[in-house]
Amino acid sequence: MPTFVYMTRCDGCGHCVDICPSDIMHIDKTTRRAYNIEPNMCWECYSCVKACPQNAIDARGYADFAPLGHSVRTLREEEKGTISWKIKFRDGREKNFCLADPAHQMGFYTVTVRTSST
């Protein structure tokens, strides 16, 4: 499921641009908002979804399992090493999907930098 950006939430911080392994997240020079230049080239690692402090990036469901009128919510759980999706259909039904985090499988890990003040 390729990613897309909610322009009203994006503040143009560039975290998604910095972390995208396929280099498809860019900042529009006019609007100062992020956008996915080639959704079909998305690796679906969802690093940008996790990196966005404004929760402005989400996933667009494929039509074969998420028909028109649906909503998709992506949740990346770092501790569990999983990504899950909750799809809500127009009629109110919900379906959950869960899989191992592809970013972990590809070797992308969150690194915490600690500095000591001495």
C-alpha atoms as a PDB file:
ATOM      1  CA  MET A   1       0.000   0.000   0.000  1.00  0.00           C
ATOM      2  CA  PRO A   2       1.753   3.173  -1.143  1.00  0.00           C
ATOM      3  CA  THR A   3       1.897   6.175   1.140  1.00  0.00           C
ATOM      4  CA  PHE A   4       0.289   9.574   0.744  1.00  0.00           C
ATOM      5  CA  VAL A   5       0.510  12.829   2.682  1.00  0.00           C
ATOM      6  CA  TYR A   6      -2.337  14.770   4.296  1.00  0.00           C
ATOM      7  CA  MET A   7      -1.318  18.282   3.232  1.00  0.00           C
ATOM      8  CA  THR A   8      -3.285  19.901   6.050  1.00  0.00           C
ATOM      9  CA  ARG A   9      -1.238  18.020   8.668  1.00  0.00           C
ATOM     10  CA  CYS A  10       2.226  18.227   7.063  1.00  0.00           C
ATOM     11  CA  ASP A  11       4.500  20.973   8.397  1.00  0.00           C
ATOM     12  CA  GLY A  12       7.343  20.344   5.930  1.00  0.00           C
ATOM     13  CA  CYS A  13       9.838  19.124   8.545  1.00  0.00           C
ATOM     14  CA  GLY A  14      11.466  16.725   6.056  1.00  0.00           C
ATOM     15  CA  HIS A  15      11.757  13.692   8.356  1.00  0.00           C
ATOM     16  CA  CYS A  16      10.077  11.526   5.713  1.00  0.00           C
ATOM     17  CA  VAL A  17      12.455  12.775   3.016  1.00  0.00           C
ATOM     18  CA  ASP A  18      15.486  11.950   5.144  1.00  0.00           C
ATOM     19  CA  ILE A  19      14.355   8.417   6.024  1.00  0.00           C
ATOM     20  CA  CYS A  20      12.824   7.191   2.731  1.00  0.00           C
ATOM     21  CA  PRO A  21      15.071   4.394   1.387  1.00  0.00           C
ATOM     22  CA  SER A  22      13.672   4.659  -2.144  1.00  0.00           C
ATOM     23  CA  ASP A  23      14.066   8.480  -2.257  1.00  0.00           C
ATOM     24  CA  ILE A  24      10.494   9.124  -3.388  1.00  0.00           C
ATOM     25  CA  MET A  25       9.414  11.487  -0.612  1.00  0.00           C
ATOM     26  CA  HIS A  26      10.079  15.119  -1.541  1.00  0.00           C
ATOM     27  CA  ILE A  27       9.219  18.576  -0.224  1.00  0.00           C
ATOM     28  CA  ASP A  28       7.301  20.811  -2.622  1.00  0.00           C
ATOM     29  CA  LYS A  29       9.256  24.068  -2.975  1.00  0.00           C
ATOM     30  CA  THR A  30       6.083  26.146  -3.310  1.00  0.00           C
ATOM     31  CA  THR A  31       3.851  24.722  -0.578  1.00  0.00           C
ATOM     32  CA  ARG A  32       6.646  23.443   1.737  1.00  0.00           C
ATOM     33  CA  ARG A  33       4.731  20.178   2.137  1.00  0.00           C
ATOM     34  CA  ALA A  34       5.906  16.607   1.596  1.00  0.00           C
ATOM     35  CA  TYR A  35       4.583  14.434  -1.195  1.00  0.00           C
ATOM     36  CA  ASN A  36       5.280  11.022  -2.693  1.00  0.00           C
ATOM     37  CA  ILE A  37       6.631  11.588  -6.224  1.00  0.00           C
ATOM     38  CA  GLU A  38       6.144   7.967  -7.370  1.00  0.00           C
ATOM     39  CA  PRO A  39       3.628   6.004  -5.263  1.00  0.00           C
ATOM     40  CA  ASN A  40       4.045   2.890  -7.412  1.00  0.00           C
ATOM     41  CA  MET A  41       7.762   2.795  -6.490  1.00  0.00           C
ATOM     42  CA  CYS A  42       7.051   2.759  -2.733  1.00  0.00           C
ATOM     43  CA  TRP A  43       8.887  -0.088  -0.974  1.00  0.00           C
ATOM     44  CA  GLU A  44       6.092  -0.210   1.612  1.00  0.00           C
ATOM     45  CA  CYS A  45       8.580  -0.085   4.475  1.00  0.00           C
ATOM     46  CA  TYR A  46       6.470   2.650   6.154  1.00  0.00           C
ATOM     47  CA  SER A  47       9.531   4.338   7.613  1.00  0.00           C
ATOM     48  CA  CYS A  48       7.995   7.681   6.622  1.00  0.00           C
ATOM     49  CA  VAL A  49       4.743   6.832   8.427  1.00  0.00           C
ATOM     50  CA  LYS A  50       6.657   6.172  11.631  1.00  0.00           C
ATOM     51  CA  ALA A  51       9.026   9.150  11.232  1.00  0.00           C
ATOM     52  CA  CYS A  52       6.334  11.789  10.722  1.00  0.00           C
ATOM     53  CA  PRO A  53       5.806  13.735  13.972  1.00  0.00           C
ATOM     54  CA  GLN A  54       2.520  15.196  12.659  1.00  0.00           C
ATOM     55  CA  ASN A  55       0.958  11.829  11.640  1.00  0.00           C
ATOM     56  CA  ALA A  56       0.529  13.368   8.201  1.00  0.00           C
ATOM     57  CA  ILE A  57       1.518  10.261   6.226  1.00  0.00           C
ATOM     58  CA  ASP A  58      -0.786   7.310   5.757  1.00  0.00           C
ATOM     59  CA  ALA A  59      -1.196   4.315   3.470  1.00  0.00           C
ATOM     60  CA  ARG A  60      -3.618   4.049   0.580  1.00  0.00           C
ATOM     61  CA  GLY A  61      -5.304   0.671   0.338  1.00  0.00           C
ATOM     62  CA  TYR A  62      -5.200  -1.379  -2.833  1.00  0.00           C
ATOM     63  CA  ALA A  63      -8.574  -1.744  -4.547  1.00  0.00           C
ATOM     64  CA  ASP A  64      -8.452  -5.552  -4.466  1.00  0.00           C
ATOM     65  CA  PHE A  65      -8.934  -5.656  -0.688  1.00  0.00           C
ATOM     66  CA  ALA A  66      -9.998  -2.118   0.251  1.00  0.00           C
ATOM     67  CA  PRO A  67     -12.776  -0.863  -2.051  1.00  0.00           C
ATOM     68  CA  LEU A  68     -13.828   2.761  -2.534  1.00  0.00           C
ATOM     69  CA  GLY A  69     -15.178   4.434   0.560  1.00  0.00           C
ATOM     70  CA  HIS A  70     -12.841   2.632   2.940  1.00  0.00           C
ATOM     71  CA  SER A  71     -10.452   4.075   5.481  1.00  0.00           C
ATOM     72  CA  VAL A  72      -7.062   2.564   6.295  1.00  0.00           C
ATOM     73  CA  ARG A  73      -5.116   3.196   9.471  1.00  0.00           C
ATOM     74  CA  THR A  74      -1.493   2.053   9.639  1.00  0.00           C
ATOM     75  CA  LEU A  75       0.130   1.256  12.979  1.00  0.00           C
ATOM     76  CA  ARG A  76       3.805   0.441  13.295  1.00  0.00           C
ATOM     77  CA  GLU A  77       4.744  -1.216  16.571  1.00  0.00           C
ATOM     78  CA  GLU A  78       8.509  -0.959  16.982  1.00  0.00           C
ATOM     79  CA  GLU A  79       8.656  -3.181  20.074  1.00  0.00           C
ATOM     80  CA  LYS A  80       6.783  -6.032  18.404  1.00  0.00           C
ATOM     81  CA  GLY A  81       8.480  -5.553  15.033  1.00  0.00           C
ATOM     82  CA  THR A  82       5.130  -5.501  13.233  1.00  0.00           C
ATOM     83  CA  ILE A  83       3.042  -3.283  11.015  1.00  0.00           C
ATOM     84  CA  SER A  84      -0.711  -3.615  11.163  1.00  0.00           C
ATOM     85  CA  TRP A  85      -3.583  -2.100   9.222  1.00  0.00           C
ATOM     86  CA  LYS A  86      -7.142  -1.563  10.262  1.00  0.00           C
ATOM     87  CA  ILE A  87      -9.492  -1.224   7.317  1.00  0.00           C
ATOM     88  CA  LYS A  88     -12.951   0.150   7.922  1.00  0.00           C
ATOM     89  CA  PHE A  89     -15.424  -0.536   5.136  1.00  0.00           C
ATOM     90  CA  ARG A  90     -18.316   1.719   4.140  1.00  0.00           C
ATOM     91  CA  ASP A  91     -20.802  -0.615   5.815  1.00  0.00           C
ATOM     92  CA  GLY A  92     -18.938  -0.346   9.156  1.00  0.00           C
ATOM     93  CA  ARG A  93     -17.153  -3.717   9.068  1.00  0.00           C
ATOM     94  CA  GLU A  94     -13.517  -3.701  10.157  1.00  0.00           C
ATOM     95  CA  LYS A  95     -10.697  -5.993   9.075  1.00  0.00           C
ATOM     96  CA  ASN A  96      -7.229  -6.153  10.634  1.00  0.00           C
ATOM     97  CA  PHE A  97      -4.015  -7.192   8.882  1.00  0.00           C
ATOM     98  CA  CYS A  98      -0.648  -7.694  10.549  1.00  0.00           C
ATOM     99  CA  LEU A  99       2.790  -8.636   9.242  1.00  0.00           C
ATOM    100  CA  ALA A 100       6.431  -8.479  10.226  1.00  0.00           C
ATOM    101  CA  ASP A 101       7.902  -4.995   9.767  1.00  0.00           C
ATOM    102  CA  PRO A 102       9.663  -4.973   6.369  1.00  0.00           C
ATOM    103  CA  ALA A 103      11.965  -2.167   7.542  1.00  0.00           C
ATOM    104  CA  HIS A 104      13.419  -4.541  10.143  1.00  0.00           C
ATOM    105  CA  GLN A 105      13.778  -7.252   7.526  1.00  0.00           C
ATOM    106  CA  MET A 106      15.701  -4.868   5.249  1.00  0.00           C
ATOM    107  CA  GLY A 107      17.995  -3.793   8.067  1.00  0.00           C
ATOM    108  CA  PHE A 108      16.494  -0.381   8.856  1.00  0.00           C
ATOM    109  CA  TYR A 109      16.397   0.072  12.594  1.00  0.00           C
ATOM    110  CA  THR A 110      15.663   2.972  14.874  1.00  0.00           C
ATOM    111  CA  VAL A 111      18.861   4.196  16.458  1.00  0.00           C
ATOM    112  CA  THR A 112      18.734   6.074  19.733  1.00  0.00           C
ATOM    113  CA  VAL A 113      21.654   8.439  20.233  1.00  0.00           C
ATOM    114  CA  ARG A 114      22.540   9.110  23.834  1.00  0.00           C
ATOM    115  CA  THR A 115      24.755  11.957  24.860  1.00  0.00           C
ATOM    116  CA  SER A 116      26.221  12.384  28.287  1.00  0.00           C
ATOM    117  CA  SER A 117      26.616  15.822  29.745  1.00  0.00           C
ATOM    118  CA  THR A 118      29.798  15.805  31.784  1.00  0.00           C
END
